[in-house]
N, C-alpha and C. Protein backbone atom coordinates (compact mmCIF):
# COMPACT_ATOMS: atom_id res chain seq x y z
N MET A 1 -34.99 -51.48 -25.13
CA MET A 1 -34.51 -52.70 -25.71
C MET A 1 -33.34 -53.21 -24.89
N SER A 2 -33.32 -54.47 -24.61
CA SER A 2 -32.30 -55.06 -23.76
C SER A 2 -31.15 -55.62 -24.59
N ARG A 3 -29.93 -55.31 -24.19
CA ARG A 3 -28.74 -55.84 -24.83
C ARG A 3 -28.12 -56.86 -23.91
N THR A 4 -27.48 -57.85 -24.48
CA THR A 4 -26.75 -58.80 -23.64
C THR A 4 -25.26 -58.53 -23.76
N VAL A 5 -24.56 -58.81 -22.69
CA VAL A 5 -23.13 -58.60 -22.62
C VAL A 5 -22.51 -59.91 -22.13
N THR A 6 -21.46 -60.32 -22.77
CA THR A 6 -20.76 -61.53 -22.34
C THR A 6 -19.71 -61.15 -21.32
N MET A 7 -19.68 -61.87 -20.18
CA MET A 7 -18.66 -61.61 -19.18
C MET A 7 -18.13 -62.91 -18.60
N ASN A 8 -16.91 -62.82 -18.20
CA ASN A 8 -16.26 -63.93 -17.53
C ASN A 8 -15.99 -63.46 -16.11
N LEU A 9 -16.56 -64.14 -15.11
CA LEU A 9 -16.38 -63.65 -13.75
C LEU A 9 -16.10 -64.79 -12.79
N LYS A 10 -15.49 -64.42 -11.68
CA LYS A 10 -15.24 -65.37 -10.61
C LYS A 10 -16.16 -64.99 -9.46
N ALA A 11 -16.85 -65.97 -8.90
CA ALA A 11 -17.78 -65.70 -7.81
C ALA A 11 -17.40 -66.55 -6.60
N GLU A 12 -17.69 -66.04 -5.44
CA GLU A 12 -17.47 -66.81 -4.22
C GLU A 12 -18.46 -67.97 -4.17
N GLU A 13 -18.15 -68.96 -3.36
CA GLU A 13 -19.01 -70.15 -3.23
C GLU A 13 -20.41 -69.75 -2.78
N TYR A 14 -20.51 -68.81 -1.85
CA TYR A 14 -21.82 -68.37 -1.36
C TYR A 14 -22.64 -67.76 -2.50
N THR A 15 -22.01 -66.92 -3.30
CA THR A 15 -22.68 -66.31 -4.45
C THR A 15 -23.17 -67.38 -5.40
N ASN A 16 -22.35 -68.37 -5.64
CA ASN A 16 -22.72 -69.48 -6.51
C ASN A 16 -23.96 -70.20 -5.97
N ARG A 17 -23.99 -70.41 -4.66
CA ARG A 17 -25.15 -71.09 -4.05
C ARG A 17 -26.41 -70.23 -4.16
N VAL A 18 -26.26 -68.93 -3.91
CA VAL A 18 -27.41 -68.02 -4.02
C VAL A 18 -27.98 -68.05 -5.43
N LEU A 19 -27.10 -67.96 -6.43
CA LEU A 19 -27.57 -68.01 -7.82
C LEU A 19 -28.23 -69.34 -8.13
N GLY A 20 -27.70 -70.42 -7.56
CA GLY A 20 -28.31 -71.74 -7.76
C GLY A 20 -29.71 -71.80 -7.18
N VAL A 21 -29.91 -71.21 -6.01
CA VAL A 21 -31.23 -71.20 -5.37
C VAL A 21 -32.20 -70.36 -6.20
N ILE A 22 -31.76 -69.19 -6.65
CA ILE A 22 -32.62 -68.33 -7.49
C ILE A 22 -32.99 -69.06 -8.76
N LYS A 23 -32.02 -69.74 -9.36
CA LYS A 23 -32.26 -70.51 -10.60
C LYS A 23 -33.36 -71.53 -10.38
N GLU A 24 -33.26 -72.29 -9.30
CA GLU A 24 -34.26 -73.34 -9.02
C GLU A 24 -35.61 -72.74 -8.63
N LYS A 25 -35.59 -71.72 -7.79
CA LYS A 25 -36.83 -71.12 -7.30
C LYS A 25 -37.69 -70.57 -8.44
N TYR A 26 -37.04 -69.95 -9.42
CA TYR A 26 -37.78 -69.33 -10.51
C TYR A 26 -37.79 -70.17 -11.78
N GLY A 27 -37.27 -71.39 -11.72
CA GLY A 27 -37.28 -72.29 -12.87
C GLY A 27 -36.50 -71.77 -14.06
N LEU A 28 -35.35 -71.19 -13.78
CA LEU A 28 -34.54 -70.60 -14.84
C LEU A 28 -33.61 -71.66 -15.44
N ASN A 29 -33.10 -71.38 -16.62
CA ASN A 29 -32.26 -72.35 -17.33
C ASN A 29 -30.82 -72.40 -16.85
N ASP A 30 -30.29 -71.26 -16.41
CA ASP A 30 -28.88 -71.23 -16.00
C ASP A 30 -28.65 -70.10 -15.00
N LYS A 31 -27.44 -70.06 -14.48
CA LYS A 31 -27.12 -69.05 -13.47
C LYS A 31 -27.02 -67.65 -14.08
N SER A 32 -26.80 -67.56 -15.37
CA SER A 32 -26.82 -66.27 -16.03
C SER A 32 -28.22 -65.64 -15.90
N GLN A 33 -29.24 -66.45 -16.13
CA GLN A 33 -30.61 -65.96 -15.96
C GLN A 33 -30.88 -65.64 -14.50
N ALA A 34 -30.29 -66.42 -13.59
CA ALA A 34 -30.46 -66.16 -12.16
C ALA A 34 -29.84 -64.82 -11.79
N LEU A 35 -28.69 -64.52 -12.34
CA LEU A 35 -28.04 -63.24 -12.08
C LEU A 35 -28.89 -62.10 -12.62
N ASN A 36 -29.46 -62.27 -13.81
CA ASN A 36 -30.36 -61.25 -14.37
C ASN A 36 -31.58 -61.06 -13.48
N LYS A 37 -32.14 -62.15 -12.96
CA LYS A 37 -33.30 -62.07 -12.08
C LYS A 37 -32.94 -61.32 -10.81
N PHE A 38 -31.78 -61.62 -10.25
CA PHE A 38 -31.31 -60.94 -9.05
C PHE A 38 -31.19 -59.43 -9.31
N ALA A 39 -30.63 -59.07 -10.46
CA ALA A 39 -30.48 -57.66 -10.81
C ALA A 39 -31.85 -57.00 -10.98
N GLN A 40 -32.81 -57.70 -11.57
CA GLN A 40 -34.17 -57.16 -11.72
C GLN A 40 -34.79 -56.91 -10.35
N MET A 41 -34.55 -57.83 -9.42
CA MET A 41 -35.16 -57.74 -8.10
C MET A 41 -34.56 -56.62 -7.25
N PHE A 42 -33.23 -56.43 -7.33
CA PHE A 42 -32.57 -55.52 -6.40
C PHE A 42 -31.79 -54.39 -7.06
N GLY A 43 -31.68 -54.40 -8.37
CA GLY A 43 -30.85 -53.42 -9.05
C GLY A 43 -31.30 -51.98 -8.91
N GLU A 44 -32.60 -51.75 -8.86
CA GLU A 44 -33.08 -50.36 -8.81
C GLU A 44 -32.76 -49.67 -7.50
N GLU A 45 -32.33 -50.43 -6.50
CA GLU A 45 -31.85 -49.80 -5.26
C GLU A 45 -30.56 -49.03 -5.53
N PHE A 46 -29.86 -49.41 -6.60
CA PHE A 46 -28.56 -48.82 -6.89
C PHE A 46 -28.53 -48.03 -8.19
N VAL A 47 -29.25 -48.50 -9.22
CA VAL A 47 -29.21 -47.89 -10.54
C VAL A 47 -30.62 -47.87 -11.12
N GLU A 48 -31.04 -46.70 -11.60
CA GLU A 48 -32.34 -46.62 -12.26
C GLU A 48 -32.24 -47.31 -13.62
N ARG A 49 -33.33 -47.95 -14.01
CA ARG A 49 -33.35 -48.65 -15.30
C ARG A 49 -33.10 -47.69 -16.44
N GLU A 50 -33.80 -46.59 -16.44
CA GLU A 50 -33.64 -45.57 -17.48
C GLU A 50 -33.57 -44.21 -16.82
N VAL A 51 -32.81 -43.34 -17.42
CA VAL A 51 -32.77 -41.98 -16.90
C VAL A 51 -34.09 -41.31 -17.28
N LYS A 52 -34.73 -40.73 -16.30
CA LYS A 52 -36.01 -40.08 -16.54
C LYS A 52 -35.79 -38.75 -17.26
N GLU A 53 -36.71 -38.44 -18.14
CA GLU A 53 -36.59 -37.22 -18.94
C GLU A 53 -36.49 -35.99 -18.07
N GLU A 54 -37.21 -35.96 -16.95
CA GLU A 54 -37.18 -34.79 -16.07
C GLU A 54 -35.80 -34.59 -15.44
N ILE A 55 -35.09 -35.69 -15.18
CA ILE A 55 -33.74 -35.58 -14.63
C ILE A 55 -32.80 -35.00 -15.68
N ILE A 56 -32.94 -35.46 -16.91
CA ILE A 56 -32.10 -34.92 -18.00
C ILE A 56 -32.35 -33.43 -18.16
N LYS A 57 -33.62 -33.03 -18.16
CA LYS A 57 -33.95 -31.60 -18.29
C LYS A 57 -33.39 -30.80 -17.13
N GLU A 58 -33.44 -31.36 -15.92
CA GLU A 58 -32.92 -30.68 -14.74
C GLU A 58 -31.41 -30.48 -14.84
N VAL A 59 -30.70 -31.50 -15.30
CA VAL A 59 -29.25 -31.40 -15.45
C VAL A 59 -28.89 -30.36 -16.50
N ILE A 60 -29.59 -30.39 -17.62
CA ILE A 60 -29.33 -29.41 -18.69
C ILE A 60 -29.60 -28.00 -18.20
N ALA A 61 -30.71 -27.80 -17.47
CA ALA A 61 -31.04 -26.48 -16.95
C ALA A 61 -29.98 -26.02 -15.95
N SER A 62 -29.51 -26.92 -15.11
CA SER A 62 -28.47 -26.59 -14.13
C SER A 62 -27.19 -26.16 -14.84
N CYS A 63 -26.81 -26.90 -15.87
CA CYS A 63 -25.62 -26.54 -16.64
C CYS A 63 -25.79 -25.18 -17.31
N ASP A 64 -26.97 -24.94 -17.88
CA ASP A 64 -27.23 -23.65 -18.53
C ASP A 64 -27.13 -22.49 -17.53
N ARG A 65 -27.70 -22.69 -16.32
CA ARG A 65 -27.62 -21.64 -15.29
C ARG A 65 -26.16 -21.38 -14.90
N HIS A 66 -25.41 -22.44 -14.75
CA HIS A 66 -24.00 -22.30 -14.37
C HIS A 66 -23.22 -21.55 -15.45
N ILE A 67 -23.44 -21.89 -16.70
CA ILE A 67 -22.72 -21.23 -17.80
C ILE A 67 -23.13 -19.77 -17.90
N LYS A 68 -24.42 -19.46 -17.70
CA LYS A 68 -24.85 -18.07 -17.74
C LYS A 68 -24.19 -17.27 -16.63
N LYS A 69 -24.07 -17.89 -15.45
CA LYS A 69 -23.51 -17.18 -14.30
C LYS A 69 -21.98 -17.07 -14.38
N TYR A 70 -21.31 -18.14 -14.76
CA TYR A 70 -19.86 -18.18 -14.71
C TYR A 70 -19.18 -18.26 -16.07
N GLY A 71 -19.93 -18.56 -17.11
CA GLY A 71 -19.32 -18.73 -18.42
C GLY A 71 -18.48 -20.00 -18.43
N PHE A 72 -17.47 -19.99 -19.28
CA PHE A 72 -16.59 -21.15 -19.39
C PHE A 72 -15.25 -20.87 -18.73
N LYS A 73 -15.28 -20.09 -17.67
CA LYS A 73 -14.08 -19.70 -16.94
C LYS A 73 -13.41 -20.94 -16.34
N THR A 74 -12.09 -20.97 -16.44
CA THR A 74 -11.35 -22.06 -15.82
C THR A 74 -10.80 -21.60 -14.47
N MET A 75 -10.54 -22.55 -13.62
CA MET A 75 -10.03 -22.24 -12.29
C MET A 75 -8.53 -22.52 -12.25
N THR A 76 -7.81 -21.61 -11.62
CA THR A 76 -6.37 -21.83 -11.48
C THR A 76 -6.13 -22.85 -10.37
N THR A 77 -4.93 -23.38 -10.34
CA THR A 77 -4.58 -24.34 -9.29
C THR A 77 -4.65 -23.67 -7.92
N LYS A 78 -4.23 -22.41 -7.83
CA LYS A 78 -4.28 -21.68 -6.56
C LYS A 78 -5.73 -21.50 -6.11
N GLU A 79 -6.62 -21.15 -7.03
CA GLU A 79 -8.04 -21.00 -6.68
C GLU A 79 -8.62 -22.33 -6.18
N LEU A 80 -8.25 -23.40 -6.83
CA LEU A 80 -8.71 -24.71 -6.40
C LEU A 80 -8.18 -25.07 -5.02
N ASP A 81 -6.88 -24.80 -4.80
CA ASP A 81 -6.30 -25.05 -3.48
C ASP A 81 -7.00 -24.23 -2.41
N ASP A 82 -7.24 -22.94 -2.68
CA ASP A 82 -7.92 -22.08 -1.72
C ASP A 82 -9.33 -22.59 -1.43
N LEU A 83 -10.01 -23.06 -2.46
CA LEU A 83 -11.37 -23.57 -2.29
C LEU A 83 -11.35 -24.83 -1.41
N CYS A 84 -10.40 -25.68 -1.62
CA CYS A 84 -10.30 -26.93 -0.85
C CYS A 84 -9.88 -26.70 0.59
N LYS A 85 -9.11 -25.66 0.86
CA LYS A 85 -8.67 -25.35 2.23
C LYS A 85 -9.83 -24.91 3.09
N GLY A 86 -10.89 -24.40 2.49
CA GLY A 86 -12.04 -23.90 3.23
C GLY A 86 -12.80 -24.99 3.95
N GLU A 87 -12.58 -26.25 3.57
CA GLU A 87 -13.34 -27.33 4.20
C GLU A 87 -12.54 -28.08 5.20
């Protein structure tokens, strides 16, 4: 289900022109719809639409393995410094 969010933004003149061209090309009502169209066209290069169930399962399994191996042990500042010096 799609939610809408209200935003107030400042755009460069070039961005404004690009949104205007997208608006006209796709027969959209306003630049807000043009921005949504742009995000639909190119957004998945940066952000997946939905987190896939297999990724969630993989993250949970990774966390479970880490907790089994290390527990909930905290790291001291010295241990962190020593770890960072190694790189």
